[in-house]
Amino acid sequence: MLFSPIAFGFVILFLLESKRTPFDHAETEAEVVAGYATEYNGAMLLFLYLTEYIHLVIASVHFVVFFFGG
């Protein structure tokens, strides 16, 4: 069942863990000079973004397996 309370809680925790829209910490213009975009460069920034998107894919696979029956 897609609309069960457990599935709803899983989606909320998924958004919380993956640092997405309702729970993200957006950087303001004053923080741009000291944020993660200046801390990492080139390949390290690529790996940072790559790990975030891999985390999204893995959590989506977990949701499909647990609530859609895989």
C-alpha atoms as a PDB file:
ATOM      1  CA  MET A   1       0.000   0.000   0.000  1.00  0.00           C
ATOM      2  CA  LEU A   2       1.513   3.251  -1.133  1.00  0.00           C
ATOM      3  CA  PHE A   3      -0.438   5.549   1.170  1.00  0.00           C
ATOM      4  CA  SER A   4       0.169   3.753   4.436  1.00  0.00           C
ATOM      5  CA  PRO A   5       1.503   5.739   7.409  1.00  0.00           C
ATOM      6  CA  ILE A   6       4.714   3.735   7.312  1.00  0.00           C
ATOM      7  CA  ALA A   7       5.301   4.661   3.667  1.00  0.00           C
ATOM      8  CA  PHE A   8       4.581   8.311   4.468  1.00  0.00           C
ATOM      9  CA  GLY A   9       7.074   8.199   7.345  1.00  0.00           C
ATOM     10  CA  PHE A  10       9.634   6.532   5.097  1.00  0.00           C
ATOM     11  CA  VAL A  11       9.288   9.327   2.529  1.00  0.00           C
ATOM     12  CA  ILE A  12       9.694  11.997   5.223  1.00  0.00           C
ATOM     13  CA  LEU A  13      12.791  10.244   6.593  1.00  0.00           C
ATOM     14  CA  PHE A  14      14.086   9.782   3.047  1.00  0.00           C
ATOM     15  CA  LEU A  15      13.835  13.528   2.437  1.00  0.00           C
ATOM     16  CA  LEU A  16      15.434  14.251   5.789  1.00  0.00           C
ATOM     17  CA  GLU A  17      18.345  11.894   5.233  1.00  0.00           C
ATOM     18  CA  SER A  18      19.012  12.988   1.660  1.00  0.00           C
ATOM     19  CA  LYS A  19      18.969  16.708   2.573  1.00  0.00           C
ATOM     20  CA  ARG A  20      16.214  17.593   0.129  1.00  0.00           C
ATOM     21  CA  THR A  21      13.812  20.532  -0.065  1.00  0.00           C
ATOM     22  CA  PRO A  22      11.967  20.781   3.247  1.00  0.00           C
ATOM     23  CA  PHE A  23      15.051  19.939   5.303  1.00  0.00           C
ATOM     24  CA  ASP A  24      17.963  21.346   3.328  1.00  0.00           C
ATOM     25  CA  HIS A  25      20.242  24.166   4.452  1.00  0.00           C
ATOM     26  CA  ALA A  26      20.502  26.517   1.529  1.00  0.00           C
ATOM     27  CA  GLU A  27      23.577  28.691   1.342  1.00  0.00           C
ATOM     28  CA  THR A  28      23.082  32.424   1.189  1.00  0.00           C
ATOM     29  CA  GLU A  29      25.277  34.746  -0.831  1.00  0.00           C
ATOM     30  CA  ALA A  30      27.345  35.617   2.237  1.00  0.00           C
ATOM     31  CA  GLU A  31      28.202  31.940   2.737  1.00  0.00           C
ATOM     32  CA  VAL A  32      29.154  31.240  -0.882  1.00  0.00           C
ATOM     33  CA  VAL A  33      32.799  32.176  -0.263  1.00  0.00           C
ATOM     34  CA  ALA A  34      33.090  29.607   2.536  1.00  0.00           C
ATOM     35  CA  GLY A  35      30.715  26.858   1.466  1.00  0.00           C
ATOM     36  CA  TYR A  36      31.273  23.389   0.115  1.00  0.00           C
ATOM     37  CA  ALA A  37      31.582  24.724  -3.444  1.00  0.00           C
ATOM     38  CA  THR A  38      34.868  26.432  -2.560  1.00  0.00           C
ATOM     39  CA  GLU A  39      36.023  23.728  -0.169  1.00  0.00           C
ATOM     40  CA  TYR A  40      35.986  21.057  -2.858  1.00  0.00           C
ATOM     41  CA  ASN A  41      37.157  21.509  -6.429  1.00  0.00           C
ATOM     42  CA  GLY A  42      37.193  19.424  -9.581  1.00  0.00           C
ATOM     43  CA  ALA A  43      36.965  15.711  -8.960  1.00  0.00           C
ATOM     44  CA  MET A  44      36.231  16.046  -5.244  1.00  0.00           C
ATOM     45  CA  LEU A  45      33.129  18.163  -5.950  1.00  0.00           C
ATOM     46  CA  LEU A  46      32.097  15.607  -8.567  1.00  0.00           C
ATOM     47  CA  PHE A  47      32.374  12.812  -6.009  1.00  0.00           C
ATOM     48  CA  LEU A  48      30.428  14.866  -3.468  1.00  0.00           C
ATOM     49  CA  TYR A  49      27.526  15.300  -5.880  1.00  0.00           C
ATOM     50  CA  LEU A  50      27.857  11.727  -7.119  1.00  0.00           C
ATOM     51  CA  THR A  51      27.510  10.302  -3.613  1.00  0.00           C
ATOM     52  CA  GLU A  52      24.400  12.431  -3.007  1.00  0.00           C
ATOM     53  CA  TYR A  53      22.737  11.124  -6.168  1.00  0.00           C
ATOM     54  CA  ILE A  54      23.781   7.533  -5.456  1.00  0.00           C
ATOM     55  CA  HIS A  55      22.163   7.927  -2.044  1.00  0.00           C
ATOM     56  CA  LEU A  56      18.940   9.040  -3.752  1.00  0.00           C
ATOM     57  CA  VAL A  57      18.979   6.020  -6.053  1.00  0.00           C
ATOM     58  CA  ILE A  58      19.617   3.574  -3.218  1.00  0.00           C
ATOM     59  CA  ALA A  59      16.841   5.070  -1.071  1.00  0.00           C
ATOM     60  CA  SER A  60      14.455   4.954  -4.042  1.00  0.00           C
ATOM     61  CA  VAL A  61      15.301   1.292  -4.607  1.00  0.00           C
ATOM     62  CA  HIS A  62      14.598   0.608  -0.929  1.00  0.00           C
ATOM     63  CA  PHE A  63      11.210   2.321  -1.226  1.00  0.00           C
ATOM     64  CA  VAL A  64      10.282   0.280  -4.282  1.00  0.00           C
ATOM     65  CA  VAL A  65      11.356  -2.991  -2.688  1.00  0.00           C
ATOM     66  CA  PHE A  66       9.637  -2.343   0.642  1.00  0.00           C
ATOM     67  CA  PHE A  67       6.377  -0.773  -0.520  1.00  0.00           C
ATOM     68  CA  PHE A  68       5.814  -1.873  -4.113  1.00  0.00           C
ATOM     69  CA  GLY A  69       6.894  -5.448  -3.603  1.00  0.00           C
ATOM     70  CA  GLY A  70      10.085  -5.213  -5.629  1.00  0.00           C
END
